[in-house]
């Protein structure tokens, strides 16, 4: 089952930040600076974590994964609220390897 996962990252080196950003574009939707929302199975999440571990510096960088629930629009609307511009999710399943 796919889960919505919010992934945010704080990467201290610009070169590594760009690598993380390019990698994340393959897995989800860029919603804010250094924040993506993804639809991932457990296996896809594990693969993404392994790829990120190859890029980041373990002591200087941080990538945070926050699971917010199963991939259904109804569930997402209950979990994400915004002030200002509305967040309208799209189907991300085609972006994920």
N, C-alpha and C. Protein backbone atom coordinates (compact mmCIF):
# COMPACT_ATOMS: atom_id res chain seq x y z
N UNK A 1 0.85 -1.18 0.00
CA UNK A 1 0.00 0.00 0.00
C UNK A 1 0.90 1.25 0.00
N UNK A 2 0.56 2.19 -0.84
CA UNK A 2 1.31 3.45 -0.89
C UNK A 2 0.85 4.37 0.24
N UNK A 3 1.82 5.09 0.79
CA UNK A 3 1.58 6.05 1.86
C UNK A 3 2.03 7.43 1.37
N UNK A 4 1.32 8.46 1.81
CA UNK A 4 1.84 9.81 1.61
C UNK A 4 2.97 10.01 2.61
N UNK A 5 4.08 10.53 2.11
CA UNK A 5 5.24 10.80 2.95
C UNK A 5 5.72 12.21 2.62
N UNK A 6 5.81 13.04 3.64
CA UNK A 6 6.42 14.36 3.48
C UNK A 6 7.90 14.20 3.78
N UNK A 7 8.71 14.66 2.85
CA UNK A 7 10.16 14.55 3.01
C UNK A 7 10.73 15.96 2.94
N UNK A 8 11.44 16.32 4.00
CA UNK A 8 12.11 17.62 4.02
C UNK A 8 13.60 17.37 4.27
N UNK A 9 14.41 18.27 3.79
CA UNK A 9 15.84 18.05 3.95
C UNK A 9 16.57 19.36 4.21
N UNK A 10 17.63 19.23 4.97
CA UNK A 10 18.52 20.34 5.29
C UNK A 10 19.93 19.86 4.92
N UNK A 11 20.41 20.30 3.78
CA UNK A 11 21.69 19.84 3.25
C UNK A 11 22.66 21.03 3.28
N UNK A 12 23.79 20.84 3.93
CA UNK A 12 24.69 21.96 4.19
C UNK A 12 25.56 22.36 3.00
N UNK A 13 25.70 21.49 2.02
CA UNK A 13 26.57 21.76 0.88
C UNK A 13 25.72 21.93 -0.37
N UNK A 14 25.88 23.04 -1.12
CA UNK A 14 25.05 23.28 -2.31
C UNK A 14 25.12 22.17 -3.35
N UNK A 15 26.28 21.59 -3.55
CA UNK A 15 26.41 20.51 -4.54
C UNK A 15 25.59 19.29 -4.12
N UNK A 16 25.69 18.92 -2.85
CA UNK A 16 24.88 17.80 -2.35
C UNK A 16 23.40 18.15 -2.37
N UNK A 17 23.06 19.41 -2.05
CA UNK A 17 21.65 19.83 -2.07
C UNK A 17 21.06 19.63 -3.46
N UNK A 18 21.80 20.02 -4.50
CA UNK A 18 21.31 19.85 -5.88
C UNK A 18 21.12 18.37 -6.22
N UNK A 19 22.02 17.52 -5.77
CA UNK A 19 21.89 16.08 -6.02
C UNK A 19 20.65 15.54 -5.33
N UNK A 20 20.42 15.95 -4.10
CA UNK A 20 19.23 15.49 -3.37
C UNK A 20 17.98 16.00 -4.08
N UNK A 21 17.97 17.26 -4.47
CA UNK A 21 16.81 17.83 -5.15
C UNK A 21 16.49 17.05 -6.43
N UNK A 22 17.50 16.78 -7.25
CA UNK A 22 17.28 16.03 -8.50
C UNK A 22 16.74 14.63 -8.21
N UNK A 23 17.27 13.99 -7.20
CA UNK A 23 16.80 12.66 -6.82
C UNK A 23 15.35 12.71 -6.36
N UNK A 24 15.02 13.69 -5.54
CA UNK A 24 13.67 13.80 -5.00
C UNK A 24 12.65 14.07 -6.10
N UNK A 25 13.02 14.79 -7.15
CA UNK A 25 12.08 15.08 -8.25
C UNK A 25 11.58 13.81 -8.91
N UNK A 26 12.35 12.73 -8.84
CA UNK A 26 11.93 11.45 -9.41
C UNK A 26 10.93 10.71 -8.51
N UNK A 27 10.80 11.14 -7.28
CA UNK A 27 9.97 10.41 -6.32
C UNK A 27 8.73 11.16 -5.85
N UNK A 28 8.66 12.44 -6.08
CA UNK A 28 7.51 13.15 -5.55
C UNK A 28 7.34 14.53 -6.13
N UNK A 29 6.47 15.27 -5.49
CA UNK A 29 6.10 16.62 -5.92
C UNK A 29 6.78 17.65 -5.03
N UNK A 30 7.48 18.57 -5.65
CA UNK A 30 8.15 19.64 -4.93
C UNK A 30 7.10 20.65 -4.49
N UNK A 31 6.86 20.77 -3.18
CA UNK A 31 5.78 21.63 -2.70
C UNK A 31 6.28 22.90 -2.04
N UNK A 32 7.46 22.88 -1.48
CA UNK A 32 8.08 24.07 -0.91
C UNK A 32 9.59 23.86 -0.95
N UNK A 33 10.34 24.91 -0.66
CA UNK A 33 11.80 24.81 -0.67
C UNK A 33 12.24 23.66 0.22
N UNK A 34 12.93 22.70 -0.34
CA UNK A 34 13.46 21.53 0.37
C UNK A 34 12.37 20.66 1.00
N UNK A 35 11.17 20.69 0.44
CA UNK A 35 10.07 19.85 0.92
C UNK A 35 9.37 19.21 -0.28
N UNK A 36 9.19 17.89 -0.19
CA UNK A 36 8.48 17.13 -1.20
C UNK A 36 7.38 16.33 -0.54
N UNK A 37 6.32 16.05 -1.29
CA UNK A 37 5.33 15.08 -0.86
C UNK A 37 5.38 13.94 -1.86
N UNK A 38 5.48 12.74 -1.32
CA UNK A 38 5.64 11.55 -2.15
C UNK A 38 4.56 10.53 -1.83
N UNK A 39 4.33 9.64 -2.77
CA UNK A 39 3.45 8.49 -2.57
C UNK A 39 4.34 7.26 -2.71
N UNK A 40 4.65 6.61 -1.59
CA UNK A 40 5.64 5.55 -1.59
C UNK A 40 5.13 4.27 -0.94
N UNK A 41 5.53 3.14 -1.51
CA UNK A 41 5.37 1.87 -0.81
C UNK A 41 6.55 1.75 0.15
N UNK A 42 6.51 0.77 1.01
CA UNK A 42 7.64 0.56 1.94
C UNK A 42 8.93 0.28 1.17
N UNK A 43 8.83 -0.49 0.09
CA UNK A 43 10.01 -0.82 -0.71
C UNK A 43 10.57 0.43 -1.38
N UNK A 44 9.70 1.26 -1.95
CA UNK A 44 10.15 2.49 -2.60
C UNK A 44 10.79 3.44 -1.58
N UNK A 45 10.22 3.51 -0.39
CA UNK A 45 10.80 4.36 0.64
C UNK A 45 12.19 3.86 1.02
N UNK A 46 12.35 2.56 1.16
CA UNK A 46 13.66 1.99 1.49
C UNK A 46 14.68 2.27 0.39
N UNK A 47 14.26 2.15 -0.87
CA UNK A 47 15.17 2.45 -1.99
C UNK A 47 15.59 3.91 -1.98
N UNK A 48 14.62 4.79 -1.76
CA UNK A 48 14.93 6.22 -1.72
C UNK A 48 15.90 6.53 -0.60
N UNK A 49 15.67 5.97 0.58
CA UNK A 49 16.58 6.20 1.71
C UNK A 49 17.99 5.72 1.37
N UNK A 50 18.10 4.57 0.73
CA UNK A 50 19.42 4.05 0.36
C UNK A 50 20.13 4.98 -0.61
N UNK A 51 19.38 5.50 -1.59
CA UNK A 51 19.98 6.43 -2.56
C UNK A 51 20.40 7.73 -1.88
N UNK A 52 19.56 8.22 -0.97
CA UNK A 52 19.90 9.46 -0.26
C UNK A 52 21.12 9.28 0.62
N UNK A 53 21.25 8.13 1.25
CA UNK A 53 22.41 7.87 2.11
C UNK A 53 23.71 7.91 1.33
N UNK A 54 23.65 7.61 0.03
CA UNK A 54 24.85 7.67 -0.82
C UNK A 54 25.24 9.11 -1.13
N UNK A 55 24.30 10.04 -1.01
CA UNK A 55 24.53 11.43 -1.40
C UNK A 55 24.86 12.31 -0.20
N UNK A 56 24.15 12.15 0.90
CA UNK A 56 24.28 13.10 2.01
C UNK A 56 25.50 12.80 2.87
N UNK A 57 25.88 13.79 3.64
CA UNK A 57 26.92 13.65 4.66
C UNK A 57 26.22 13.38 5.98
N UNK A 58 26.50 12.23 6.58
CA UNK A 58 25.76 11.77 7.75
C UNK A 58 25.80 12.72 8.94
N UNK A 59 26.87 13.45 9.12
CA UNK A 59 26.99 14.34 10.28
C UNK A 59 26.58 15.78 10.01
N UNK A 60 26.49 16.15 8.73
CA UNK A 60 26.19 17.54 8.41
C UNK A 60 24.78 17.75 7.87
N UNK A 61 24.20 16.72 7.30
CA UNK A 61 22.92 16.85 6.60
C UNK A 61 21.82 16.08 7.33
N UNK A 62 20.58 16.44 7.02
CA UNK A 62 19.43 15.73 7.60
C UNK A 62 18.33 15.63 6.55
N UNK A 63 17.73 14.43 6.47
CA UNK A 63 16.55 14.21 5.64
C UNK A 63 15.49 13.63 6.56
N UNK A 64 14.33 14.26 6.60
CA UNK A 64 13.26 13.83 7.50
C UNK A 64 12.10 13.26 6.70
N UNK A 65 11.63 12.08 7.09
CA UNK A 65 10.49 11.41 6.47
C UNK A 65 9.34 11.43 7.46
N UNK A 66 8.20 11.97 7.04
CA UNK A 66 7.00 12.01 7.88
C UNK A 66 5.87 11.32 7.13
N UNK A 67 5.47 10.15 7.59
CA UNK A 67 4.36 9.42 6.98
C UNK A 67 3.06 10.03 7.46
N UNK A 68 2.19 10.36 6.49
CA UNK A 68 0.94 10.99 6.90
C UNK A 68 -0.30 10.18 6.54
N UNK A 69 -0.10 8.99 6.02
CA UNK A 69 -1.25 8.12 5.82
C UNK A 69 -1.37 7.55 4.43
N UNK A 70 -2.36 6.67 4.27
CA UNK A 70 -2.56 6.00 2.98
C UNK A 70 -2.92 6.98 1.87
N UNK A 71 -2.60 6.57 0.66
CA UNK A 71 -2.85 7.42 -0.51
C UNK A 71 -4.33 7.36 -0.87
N UNK A 72 -5.08 8.27 -0.29
CA UNK A 72 -6.45 8.54 -0.70
C UNK A 72 -6.64 10.04 -0.52
N UNK A 73 -7.29 10.66 -1.44
CA UNK A 73 -7.48 12.11 -1.36
C UNK A 73 -8.25 12.49 -0.10
N UNK A 74 -9.24 11.69 0.25
CA UNK A 74 -10.05 11.99 1.43
C UNK A 74 -9.17 12.04 2.69
N UNK A 75 -8.29 11.06 2.83
CA UNK A 75 -7.40 11.04 4.00
C UNK A 75 -6.45 12.23 3.98
N UNK A 76 -5.93 12.56 2.80
CA UNK A 76 -4.97 13.67 2.70
C UNK A 76 -5.63 14.98 3.09
N UNK A 77 -6.87 15.19 2.65
CA UNK A 77 -7.56 16.44 2.97
C UNK A 77 -7.75 16.60 4.48
N UNK A 78 -7.85 15.49 5.21
CA UNK A 78 -7.99 15.56 6.66
C UNK A 78 -6.66 15.86 7.34
N UNK A 79 -5.55 15.57 6.68
CA UNK A 79 -4.23 15.67 7.32
C UNK A 79 -3.45 16.92 6.95
N UNK A 80 -3.74 17.53 5.81
CA UNK A 80 -2.98 18.70 5.37
C UNK A 80 -3.93 19.88 5.25
N UNK A 81 -3.59 20.95 5.95
CA UNK A 81 -4.32 22.19 5.77
C UNK A 81 -3.31 23.28 5.45
N UNK A 82 -3.77 24.30 4.77
CA UNK A 82 -2.88 25.39 4.39
C UNK A 82 -3.52 26.73 4.72
N UNK A 83 -2.68 27.72 4.80
CA UNK A 83 -3.10 29.11 4.88
C UNK A 83 -2.54 29.77 3.63
N UNK A 84 -3.33 30.49 2.92
CA UNK A 84 -2.86 31.05 1.65
C UNK A 84 -3.21 30.10 0.52
N UNK A 85 -2.27 29.93 -0.38
CA UNK A 85 -2.50 29.11 -1.58
C UNK A 85 -2.84 27.68 -1.18
N UNK A 86 -3.90 27.15 -1.77
CA UNK A 86 -4.36 25.80 -1.47
C UNK A 86 -3.42 24.76 -2.05
N UNK A 87 -3.22 23.66 -1.32
CA UNK A 87 -2.43 22.54 -1.83
C UNK A 87 -3.37 21.56 -2.52
N UNK A 88 -3.15 21.34 -3.81
CA UNK A 88 -3.95 20.41 -4.58
C UNK A 88 -3.04 19.27 -5.04
N UNK A 89 -3.14 18.10 -4.41
CA UNK A 89 -2.24 16.99 -4.77
C UNK A 89 -2.54 16.44 -6.15
N UNK A 90 -1.51 15.94 -6.78
CA UNK A 90 -1.72 15.25 -8.05
C UNK A 90 -1.32 13.79 -7.86
N UNK A 91 -1.68 12.96 -8.81
CA UNK A 91 -1.34 11.55 -8.74
C UNK A 91 0.13 11.39 -9.06
N UNK A 92 0.92 11.00 -8.08
CA UNK A 92 2.35 10.92 -8.24
C UNK A 92 2.84 9.52 -8.57
N UNK A 93 1.95 8.56 -8.66
CA UNK A 93 2.37 7.18 -8.85
C UNK A 93 3.21 7.00 -10.12
N UNK A 94 2.98 7.81 -11.12
CA UNK A 94 3.75 7.67 -12.37
C UNK A 94 5.18 8.20 -12.22
N UNK A 95 5.48 8.99 -11.20
CA UNK A 95 6.82 9.53 -11.02
C UNK A 95 7.75 8.58 -10.29
N UNK A 96 7.19 7.61 -9.60
CA UNK A 96 7.97 6.78 -8.70
C UNK A 96 8.51 5.56 -9.43
N UNK A 97 9.77 5.28 -9.23
CA UNK A 97 10.41 4.12 -9.87
C UNK A 97 10.04 2.85 -9.15
